N, C-alpha and C. Protein backbone atom coordinates (compact mmCIF):
# COMPACT_ATOMS: atom_id res chain seq x y z
N UNK A 1 33.63 109.89 86.14
CA UNK A 1 33.24 108.74 85.52
C UNK A 1 34.12 107.63 85.57
N UNK A 2 33.65 106.21 85.61
CA UNK A 2 34.29 105.30 85.73
C UNK A 2 34.05 104.22 84.84
N UNK A 3 34.70 103.21 84.25
CA UNK A 3 34.53 102.52 83.32
C UNK A 3 35.02 101.16 83.97
N UNK A 4 33.83 100.18 83.69
CA UNK A 4 34.06 98.78 84.08
C UNK A 4 34.28 97.95 82.84
N UNK A 5 35.45 97.45 82.60
CA UNK A 5 35.98 96.89 81.44
C UNK A 5 35.88 95.24 81.82
N UNK A 6 35.15 94.53 80.70
CA UNK A 6 35.15 93.14 81.10
C UNK A 6 35.81 92.50 79.76
N UNK A 7 37.02 91.83 79.95
CA UNK A 7 37.71 91.42 78.78
C UNK A 7 37.83 89.86 78.64
N UNK A 8 37.62 89.28 77.68
CA UNK A 8 37.63 87.97 77.37
C UNK A 8 38.68 87.70 76.60
N UNK A 9 39.78 86.98 77.24
CA UNK A 9 40.98 86.82 76.55
C UNK A 9 40.85 85.59 75.42
N UNK A 10 41.36 85.70 74.42
CA UNK A 10 41.70 84.90 73.40
C UNK A 10 42.15 83.68 73.82
N UNK A 11 41.73 82.32 73.85
CA UNK A 11 42.44 81.21 74.13
C UNK A 11 41.93 80.21 73.23
N UNK A 12 42.94 79.44 72.55
CA UNK A 12 42.52 78.17 71.74
C UNK A 12 41.52 77.18 72.50
N UNK A 13 40.59 76.88 71.84
CA UNK A 13 39.61 75.65 72.32
C UNK A 13 38.53 76.22 73.09
N UNK A 14 38.54 77.71 73.35
CA UNK A 14 37.25 78.22 74.10
C UNK A 14 36.15 78.37 72.97
N UNK A 15 35.11 78.77 73.52
CA UNK A 15 33.81 79.12 72.77
C UNK A 15 33.19 80.51 73.19
N UNK A 16 32.76 81.12 72.32
CA UNK A 16 32.10 82.43 72.46
C UNK A 16 30.69 82.67 71.79
N UNK A 17 29.77 82.72 72.01
CA UNK A 17 28.38 82.76 71.40
C UNK A 17 28.02 84.22 71.12
N UNK A 18 28.41 84.86 70.05
CA UNK A 18 28.18 86.32 69.83
C UNK A 18 26.65 86.63 69.73
N UNK A 19 25.88 85.73 69.31
CA UNK A 19 24.53 85.90 69.08
C UNK A 19 23.77 86.01 70.44
N UNK A 20 24.14 84.98 71.37
CA UNK A 20 23.69 85.13 72.73
C UNK A 20 24.13 86.45 73.64
N UNK A 21 25.52 86.64 73.24
CA UNK A 21 26.06 87.87 74.01
C UNK A 21 25.38 88.95 73.79
N UNK A 22 25.45 89.29 72.57
CA UNK A 22 24.87 90.76 72.03
C UNK A 22 23.44 90.69 72.06
N UNK A 23 22.75 89.52 71.83
CA UNK A 23 21.28 89.57 71.90
C UNK A 23 20.52 89.48 73.07
N UNK A 24 21.16 88.70 74.23
CA UNK A 24 20.52 88.08 75.37
C UNK A 24 21.42 89.00 76.57
N UNK A 25 22.57 88.51 76.45
CA UNK A 25 23.15 88.90 77.71
C UNK A 25 23.35 90.39 77.95
N UNK A 26 23.99 91.07 77.13
CA UNK A 26 23.93 92.40 76.90
C UNK A 26 22.81 93.30 77.43
N UNK A 27 21.84 93.09 76.75
CA UNK A 27 20.44 93.57 77.12
C UNK A 27 19.98 93.33 78.38
N UNK A 28 20.25 92.06 79.05
CA UNK A 28 19.59 91.84 80.37
C UNK A 28 20.63 92.59 81.30
N UNK A 29 21.99 92.87 80.86
CA UNK A 29 22.89 93.44 81.88
C UNK A 29 22.10 94.88 82.00
N UNK A 30 21.84 95.56 80.89
CA UNK A 30 21.34 96.93 80.86
C UNK A 30 20.11 96.95 81.63
N UNK A 31 19.20 95.86 81.48
CA UNK A 31 17.83 96.12 82.26
C UNK A 31 18.37 96.08 83.79
N UNK A 32 19.22 95.10 84.25
CA UNK A 32 19.68 95.05 85.42
C UNK A 32 20.09 96.16 86.17
N UNK A 33 21.11 96.94 85.43
CA UNK A 33 21.64 97.96 85.99
C UNK A 33 21.11 99.25 85.91
N UNK A 34 20.35 99.33 85.01
CA UNK A 34 19.16 100.33 85.09
C UNK A 34 19.77 101.76 84.81
N UNK A 35 19.41 102.75 85.42
CA UNK A 35 19.67 104.28 85.19
C UNK A 35 21.18 104.38 85.62
N UNK A 36 21.59 103.58 86.52
CA UNK A 36 23.06 103.65 86.93
C UNK A 36 24.01 103.74 85.74
N UNK A 37 23.79 102.76 84.73
CA UNK A 37 24.58 102.40 83.67
C UNK A 37 24.35 103.75 82.87
N UNK A 38 25.55 104.34 82.49
CA UNK A 38 25.34 105.49 81.60
C UNK A 38 25.57 105.16 79.95
N UNK A 39 26.50 104.34 80.05
CA UNK A 39 26.86 103.67 78.39
C UNK A 39 27.23 102.48 78.54
N UNK A 40 27.06 101.76 77.41
CA UNK A 40 27.75 100.52 77.11
C UNK A 40 27.94 100.16 75.59
N UNK A 41 29.35 99.65 75.46
CA UNK A 41 29.87 99.23 74.17
C UNK A 41 30.47 98.10 74.46
N UNK A 42 30.34 97.45 73.12
CA UNK A 42 31.01 95.91 72.96
C UNK A 42 31.80 96.06 71.84
N UNK A 43 33.10 95.29 72.04
CA UNK A 43 33.95 95.33 70.97
C UNK A 43 34.26 93.95 70.63
N UNK A 44 34.51 93.60 69.45
CA UNK A 44 35.03 92.22 68.91
C UNK A 44 36.21 92.23 68.46
N UNK A 45 37.23 91.51 69.01
CA UNK A 45 38.50 91.61 68.53
C UNK A 45 38.97 90.98 67.21
N UNK A 46 39.37 91.82 66.43
CA UNK A 46 39.85 91.58 64.99
C UNK A 46 41.28 91.02 64.95
N UNK A 47 42.14 91.55 65.52
CA UNK A 47 43.52 91.56 65.30
C UNK A 47 44.40 92.17 66.24
N UNK A 48 45.69 91.71 66.24
CA UNK A 48 46.62 92.37 67.25
C UNK A 48 47.22 93.52 66.60
N UNK A 49 48.27 94.08 67.31
CA UNK A 49 49.02 95.26 66.81
C UNK A 49 50.08 94.67 65.74
N UNK A 50 50.59 93.75 65.72
CA UNK A 50 51.45 93.46 64.69
C UNK A 50 50.78 92.63 63.42
N UNK A 51 50.99 93.11 62.33
CA UNK A 51 50.39 92.62 61.05
C UNK A 51 50.26 90.87 61.26
N UNK A 52 49.09 90.48 61.04
CA UNK A 52 48.89 89.02 61.02
C UNK A 52 48.72 88.54 62.13
N UNK A 53 48.79 89.35 63.46
CA UNK A 53 48.72 88.54 64.69
C UNK A 53 47.28 88.41 65.17
N UNK A 54 46.80 87.65 65.95
CA UNK A 54 45.57 87.62 66.51
C UNK A 54 45.24 88.42 67.28
N UNK A 55 43.92 88.80 67.69
CA UNK A 55 43.49 89.75 68.65
C UNK A 55 43.79 89.25 70.16
N UNK A 56 44.17 89.83 71.03
CA UNK A 56 44.30 89.27 72.33
C UNK A 56 43.26 88.88 73.18
N UNK A 57 42.13 89.82 72.63
CA UNK A 57 40.87 89.39 73.11
C UNK A 57 39.73 89.06 72.44
N UNK A 58 38.88 88.12 72.69
CA UNK A 58 37.76 87.73 71.53
C UNK A 58 36.58 89.00 71.82
N UNK A 59 36.32 89.56 73.06
CA UNK A 59 35.48 90.63 73.07
C UNK A 59 36.00 91.38 74.61
N UNK A 60 35.63 92.56 74.27
CA UNK A 60 35.69 93.69 75.32
C UNK A 60 34.26 94.26 75.67
N UNK A 61 33.76 94.37 76.83
CA UNK A 61 32.62 95.06 77.06
C UNK A 61 33.06 96.32 77.87
N UNK A 62 32.61 97.60 77.53
CA UNK A 62 32.85 98.67 78.41
C UNK A 62 31.63 99.25 79.09
N UNK A 63 31.43 99.34 80.30
CA UNK A 63 30.12 100.03 80.94
C UNK A 63 30.65 101.12 81.72
N UNK A 64 29.95 102.29 81.52
CA UNK A 64 30.37 103.49 82.21
C UNK A 64 29.26 103.71 83.30
N UNK A 65 29.88 104.49 84.37
CA UNK A 65 29.01 104.78 85.46
C UNK A 65 29.46 106.06 86.05
N UNK A 66 28.76 106.81 86.87
CA UNK A 66 29.33 107.71 87.66
C UNK A 66 30.44 107.56 88.39
N UNK A 67 30.29 106.53 89.08
CA UNK A 67 31.40 106.17 90.16
C UNK A 67 31.34 104.85 90.57
N UNK A 68 32.47 104.43 91.41
CA UNK A 68 32.54 102.98 91.87
C UNK A 68 31.22 102.97 92.50
N UNK A 69 30.86 103.58 93.66
CA UNK A 69 29.65 103.37 94.72
C UNK A 69 28.26 103.34 93.80
N UNK A 70 28.21 103.98 92.62
CA UNK A 70 27.20 103.72 91.70
C UNK A 70 27.05 102.49 91.06
N UNK A 71 28.09 101.91 90.59
CA UNK A 71 28.47 100.74 90.07
C UNK A 71 27.96 99.60 91.16
N UNK A 72 28.61 99.62 92.44
CA UNK A 72 28.49 98.47 93.20
C UNK A 72 26.98 98.51 93.70
N UNK A 73 26.25 99.67 93.71
CA UNK A 73 24.92 99.76 94.10
C UNK A 73 24.11 98.94 93.31
N UNK A 74 24.32 99.28 91.90
CA UNK A 74 23.59 98.69 90.81
C UNK A 74 23.89 97.36 90.49
N UNK A 75 25.18 97.09 90.63
CA UNK A 75 25.58 95.40 90.18
C UNK A 75 25.23 94.52 91.42
N UNK A 76 25.66 95.08 92.73
CA UNK A 76 25.45 94.20 93.80
C UNK A 76 24.27 93.12 93.84
N UNK A 77 23.01 93.74 93.71
CA UNK A 77 21.71 92.85 93.77
C UNK A 77 21.55 91.94 92.79
N UNK A 78 22.58 92.03 91.61
CA UNK A 78 22.08 91.22 90.39
C UNK A 78 23.43 90.57 90.13
N UNK A 79 24.30 90.65 90.71
CA UNK A 79 25.70 90.14 90.54
C UNK A 79 25.68 88.59 90.26
N UNK A 80 24.86 87.86 91.10
CA UNK A 80 24.65 86.43 91.00
C UNK A 80 24.10 85.88 89.61
N UNK A 81 23.13 86.86 89.15
CA UNK A 81 22.34 86.41 87.93
C UNK A 81 23.26 86.84 86.73
N UNK A 82 23.90 88.03 86.89
CA UNK A 82 24.59 88.39 85.67
C UNK A 82 25.96 87.54 85.53
N UNK A 83 26.58 87.06 86.63
CA UNK A 83 27.67 86.06 86.60
C UNK A 83 27.29 84.82 86.27
N UNK A 84 26.25 84.41 86.66
CA UNK A 84 25.75 83.02 86.53
C UNK A 84 25.47 82.98 84.89
N UNK A 85 25.17 83.99 84.26
CA UNK A 85 24.75 83.86 82.82
C UNK A 85 26.05 83.46 81.98
N UNK A 86 27.20 83.90 82.33
CA UNK A 86 28.35 83.74 81.46
C UNK A 86 28.36 82.35 80.86
N UNK A 87 28.34 81.49 81.63
CA UNK A 87 28.67 80.04 80.94
C UNK A 87 27.70 79.71 79.77
N UNK A 88 26.61 80.50 79.77
CA UNK A 88 25.75 80.28 78.52
C UNK A 88 26.13 80.99 77.22
N UNK A 89 27.18 81.91 77.36
CA UNK A 89 27.65 82.34 76.07
C UNK A 89 29.03 81.91 76.00
N UNK A 90 29.93 81.62 76.96
CA UNK A 90 31.46 81.50 76.57
C UNK A 90 31.87 80.47 77.91
N UNK A 91 33.00 79.93 77.42
CA UNK A 91 33.85 79.05 78.36
C UNK A 91 34.99 79.87 79.05
N UNK A 92 35.11 81.21 78.43
CA UNK A 92 36.15 81.99 78.99
C UNK A 92 35.92 82.80 80.22
N UNK A 93 37.07 82.63 81.24
CA UNK A 93 36.68 83.33 82.48
C UNK A 93 37.04 84.96 82.16
N UNK A 94 36.28 85.81 82.36
CA UNK A 94 36.58 87.37 81.89
C UNK A 94 37.28 87.81 83.13
N UNK A 95 38.13 88.80 82.51
CA UNK A 95 39.10 89.75 83.49
C UNK A 95 38.31 90.93 83.47
N UNK A 96 38.15 91.52 84.73
CA UNK A 96 37.27 92.73 85.00
C UNK A 96 38.31 93.66 85.56
N UNK A 97 38.15 95.13 85.19
CA UNK A 97 39.07 96.21 85.19
C UNK A 97 38.17 97.41 85.49
N UNK A 98 38.27 98.13 86.68
CA UNK A 98 37.31 99.16 86.89
C UNK A 98 38.63 100.44 86.54
N UNK A 99 38.15 101.41 85.95
CA UNK A 99 39.15 102.50 85.43
C UNK A 99 38.49 103.84 85.52
N UNK A 100 39.06 104.99 86.06
CA UNK A 100 38.81 106.12 86.00
C UNK A 100 38.87 106.70 84.72
N UNK A 101 37.89 107.44 83.97
CA UNK A 101 37.77 107.66 82.92
C UNK A 101 38.63 109.27 82.82
N UNK A 102 39.45 109.36 81.97
CA UNK A 102 39.88 110.78 81.91
C UNK A 102 39.72 111.33 80.38
N UNK A 103 38.84 112.38 80.22
CA UNK A 103 38.47 112.79 79.04
C UNK A 103 39.71 113.59 78.41
N UNK A 104 39.92 113.34 77.15
CA UNK A 104 41.06 114.00 76.46
C UNK A 104 40.45 115.42 75.72
N UNK A 105 41.24 116.17 75.32
CA UNK A 105 40.76 117.47 74.59
C UNK A 105 41.10 117.09 72.83
């Protein structure tokens, strides 16, 4: 399994519309990626590791797929529409990471 993480760094003066993100963007992504998307979770940053420190990320979305080729095949045809929707909910440029998921015991 692989995980595609979309991270939105916390930066002063940026905007992030949680209502649009969770109510419109994430459901649209799910519809577009279809059965290739095995799981999706959204995290809202609350705090950093040190007491009283701010969260380093406003939001993190984690999308799980069987493989990189499965992700690419599902995302490719919809990339322009999905990426084009970002300005509707945030002024933050997301960081995207693809990771191999190792399940622990």
